[in-house]
Protein backbone atom coordinates (compact mmCIF):
# COMPACT_ATOMS: atom_id res chain seq x y z
CA MET A 1 121.69 108.16 107.93
CA LYS A 2 119.89 110.25 110.53
CA ASP A 3 120.34 107.51 113.15
CA PHE A 4 124.10 107.44 112.50
CA PHE A 5 124.33 111.20 112.96
CA THR A 6 122.25 110.96 116.15
CA LEU A 7 124.48 108.17 117.44
CA PHE A 8 127.62 110.17 116.64
CA TRP A 9 126.17 113.32 118.20
CA ILE A 10 125.16 111.55 121.44
CA PHE A 11 128.65 110.21 122.02
CA ALA A 12 130.37 113.40 120.79
CA LYS A 13 128.30 115.52 123.16
CA ILE A 14 129.07 113.21 126.08
CA GLY A 15 132.76 113.00 125.14
CA THR A 16 133.03 116.77 124.92
CA PHE A 17 131.42 117.76 128.20
CA THR A 18 132.30 114.94 130.61
CA LEU A 19 135.28 115.13 132.94
CA GLY A 20 136.55 112.03 134.70
CA GLY A 21 136.77 109.41 131.99
CA GLY A 22 134.61 106.42 131.16
CA TYR A 23 132.93 105.92 134.54
CA ALA A 24 131.83 109.54 134.62
CA MET A 25 130.34 109.08 131.14
CA LEU A 26 128.27 106.02 132.04
CA PRO A 27 125.26 107.79 133.60
CA LEU A 28 125.07 110.15 130.62
CA ILE A 29 125.33 107.31 128.12
CA GLU A 30 122.68 105.40 130.06
CA ARG A 31 120.37 108.41 130.12
CA GLU A 32 120.68 108.92 126.37
CA LEU A 33 120.56 105.31 125.16
CA VAL A 34 118.23 103.77 127.76
CA ASP A 35 116.01 106.56 129.08
CA LYS A 36 115.68 108.99 126.16
CA LYS A 37 116.13 106.89 123.01
CA ALA A 38 115.19 103.46 124.42
CA TRP A 39 117.73 101.87 122.08
CA LEU A 40 118.90 99.61 124.93
CA ASP A 41 117.13 98.38 128.06
CA ARG A 42 118.84 98.54 131.47
CA GLY A 43 119.91 94.91 131.35
CA GLU A 44 121.49 95.31 127.92
CA PHE A 45 123.28 98.45 129.09
CA LEU A 46 124.59 96.66 132.18
CA ASP A 47 125.79 93.80 129.95
CA CYS A 48 127.57 96.32 127.68
CA VAL A 49 129.29 97.86 130.69
CA ALA A 50 130.31 94.46 132.07
CA VAL A 51 131.81 93.36 128.75
CA ALA A 52 133.43 96.77 128.24
CA GLN A 53 135.11 96.53 131.64
CA ALA A 54 136.41 93.04 130.90
CA ALA A 55 137.72 93.98 127.45
CA PRO A 56 141.07 95.72 127.06
CA GLY A 57 140.95 99.39 126.21
CA ILE A 58 139.16 102.53 127.24
CA LEU A 59 135.82 101.96 128.97
CA ALA A 60 133.91 104.73 127.18
CA ILE A 61 135.15 103.59 123.77
CA ASN A 62 134.32 99.96 124.57
CA VAL A 63 130.79 100.94 125.66
CA ALA A 64 130.42 103.04 122.49
CA ILE A 65 131.57 100.15 120.31
CA LEU A 66 129.26 97.62 121.97
CA SER A 67 126.18 99.83 122.10
CA GLY A 68 126.77 101.16 118.58
CA TYR A 69 127.07 97.60 117.29
CA LYS A 70 123.88 96.57 119.11
CA MET A 71 121.97 99.43 117.50
CA LYS A 72 123.43 99.70 113.99
CA GLY A 73 125.94 96.89 113.47
CA PHE A 74 129.54 97.45 112.42
CA TRP A 75 129.06 101.00 111.14
CA GLY A 76 127.16 101.88 114.29
CA SER A 77 130.14 100.81 116.38
CA VAL A 78 132.49 102.87 114.19
CA THR A 79 130.20 105.91 114.38
CA ALA A 80 129.70 105.72 118.15
CA SER A 81 133.39 105.18 118.90
CA LEU A 82 134.40 108.10 116.68
CA GLY A 83 131.83 110.25 118.45
CA ALA A 84 133.22 109.26 121.84
CA ALA A 85 136.91 109.62 120.94
CA LEU A 86 137.11 112.60 118.58
CA PRO A 87 136.14 115.38 121.02
CA SER A 88 138.51 114.12 123.72
CA PHE A 89 141.32 113.83 121.19
CA VAL A 90 140.82 117.39 119.96
CA ILE A 91 140.51 118.81 123.50
CA ILE A 92 143.64 117.02 124.73
CA LEU A 93 145.51 118.16 121.63
CA LEU A 94 144.53 121.80 122.29
CA ILE A 95 145.43 121.53 125.98
CA ALA A 96 148.80 120.00 125.11
CA LEU A 97 149.53 122.87 122.74
CA PHE A 98 148.96 125.55 125.38
CA PHE A 99 149.44 123.87 128.78
CA ARG A 100 153.20 124.34 129.01
CA GLU A 101 152.70 128.11 128.98
CA TYR A 102 150.15 128.10 131.78
CA GLU A 103 150.89 125.03 133.94
CA HIS A 104 152.52 127.12 136.71
CA ASN A 105 149.81 129.77 136.69
CA PRO A 106 148.14 129.79 140.16
CA VAL A 107 144.66 130.16 138.66
CA VAL A 108 145.16 127.10 136.42
CA GLN A 109 146.51 125.10 139.36
CA ARG A 110 143.49 126.05 141.50
CA VAL A 111 141.10 125.09 138.71
CA PHE A 112 142.68 121.63 138.47
CA MET A 113 142.56 121.24 142.26
CA GLY A 114 138.86 122.18 142.19
CA ILE A 115 138.07 119.70 139.44
CA ARG A 116 139.42 116.71 141.43
CA PRO A 117 136.52 116.39 143.93
CA ALA A 118 134.00 116.82 141.12
CA VAL A 119 135.64 114.00 139.18
CA VAL A 120 135.44 111.72 142.24
CA ALA A 121 131.72 112.45 142.51
CA LEU A 122 131.24 111.87 138.78
CA ILE A 123 132.86 108.45 139.14
CA ALA A 124 130.98 107.55 142.36
CA VAL A 125 127.50 108.11 140.88
CA PRO A 126 127.77 105.45 138.13
CA VAL A 127 129.34 103.01 140.60
CA PHE A 128 126.27 103.26 142.85
CA ASN A 129 123.87 103.13 139.89
CA LEU A 130 125.60 100.06 138.45
CA ALA A 131 125.59 98.40 141.87
CA LYS A 132 121.85 98.97 142.15
CA THR A 133 121.23 97.66 138.62
CA ALA A 134 123.45 94.61 139.28
CA GLY A 135 121.42 93.74 142.37
CA ILE A 136 123.99 94.63 145.03
CA ASN A 137 122.15 94.86 148.35
CA LEU A 138 122.94 94.62 152.06
CA LYS A 139 123.39 90.83 151.78
CA THR A 140 125.85 91.02 148.86
CA VAL A 141 127.67 94.33 149.43
CA TRP A 142 130.52 92.47 151.14
CA ILE A 143 131.63 91.00 147.80
CA PRO A 144 132.72 94.25 146.09
CA VAL A 145 134.07 95.58 149.41
CA VAL A 146 136.27 92.50 149.89
CA CYS A 147 137.39 92.62 146.24
CA ALA A 148 138.33 96.29 146.52
CA GLY A 149 140.15 95.61 149.78
CA LEU A 150 142.12 92.75 148.24
CA VAL A 151 143.25 94.91 145.33
CA TRP A 152 143.81 98.15 147.21
CA LEU A 153 145.08 97.11 150.62
CA LEU A 154 146.66 93.70 150.00
CA LYS A 155 147.85 94.50 146.45
CA VAL A 156 146.31 91.30 145.01
CA SER A 157 146.29 91.41 141.22
CA PRO A 158 142.83 92.29 139.85
CA VAL A 159 143.21 89.36 137.44
CA TYR A 160 143.17 86.92 140.37
CA VAL A 161 140.23 88.71 141.97
CA ILE A 162 138.23 88.55 138.71
CA LEU A 163 139.07 84.87 138.19
CA ALA A 164 138.13 84.04 141.79
CA ALA A 165 134.87 86.02 141.52
CA GLY A 166 134.02 84.25 138.25
CA LEU A 167 134.73 80.85 139.79
CA GLY A 168 132.70 81.77 142.87
CA GLY A 169 129.76 82.87 140.72
CA TRP A 170 129.93 79.70 138.68
CA LEU A 171 130.02 77.51 141.81
CA TYR A 172 127.16 79.46 143.39
CA THR A 173 125.03 79.07 140.25
CA ARG A 174 125.71 75.31 140.10
CA ARG A 175 124.76 74.97 143.75
CA GLN A 176 121.55 76.96 143.23
CA ARG A 177 120.52 74.76 140.28
CA ARG A 178 121.00 71.56 142.33
CA ALA A 179 119.01 72.81 145.30
CA PRO A 180 115.41 71.47 145.36
């Protein structure tokens, strides 16, 4: 029972104090589950993130479900996802109740403008950490850059980019296995 409370508390704490969504939560989740608790190793965490990104839904909830299941089975996934979702739900509910009154307040507007750069930084950090863990280096950095350019600049559907990347990875692996 103590492990379930700890699991809930880890995700509730992260869900309460993290701005910027799922990507901003990733380094905190990694620190708690990999570095502090050692419930997952870095490879398992990277696998959870990869599957969570591919699955429909909210990244942080998907990571909570997958890591909770890995640690404590079905009830671990329920506990972790509740911990990740409940604080955000309550905070958004409270903001929605009072925001209409204060949305045109200059102080509130400045606070939201100040939060934006911090959120960008909170999202950039896990991207670089995941790239390092995934083995992105100077020889392979062109792959995510080209993929981002296709989606952002040329408006190619991410579905096609993912399918092409998967096919490319599969072909590369087959070629590597045949090489003497």
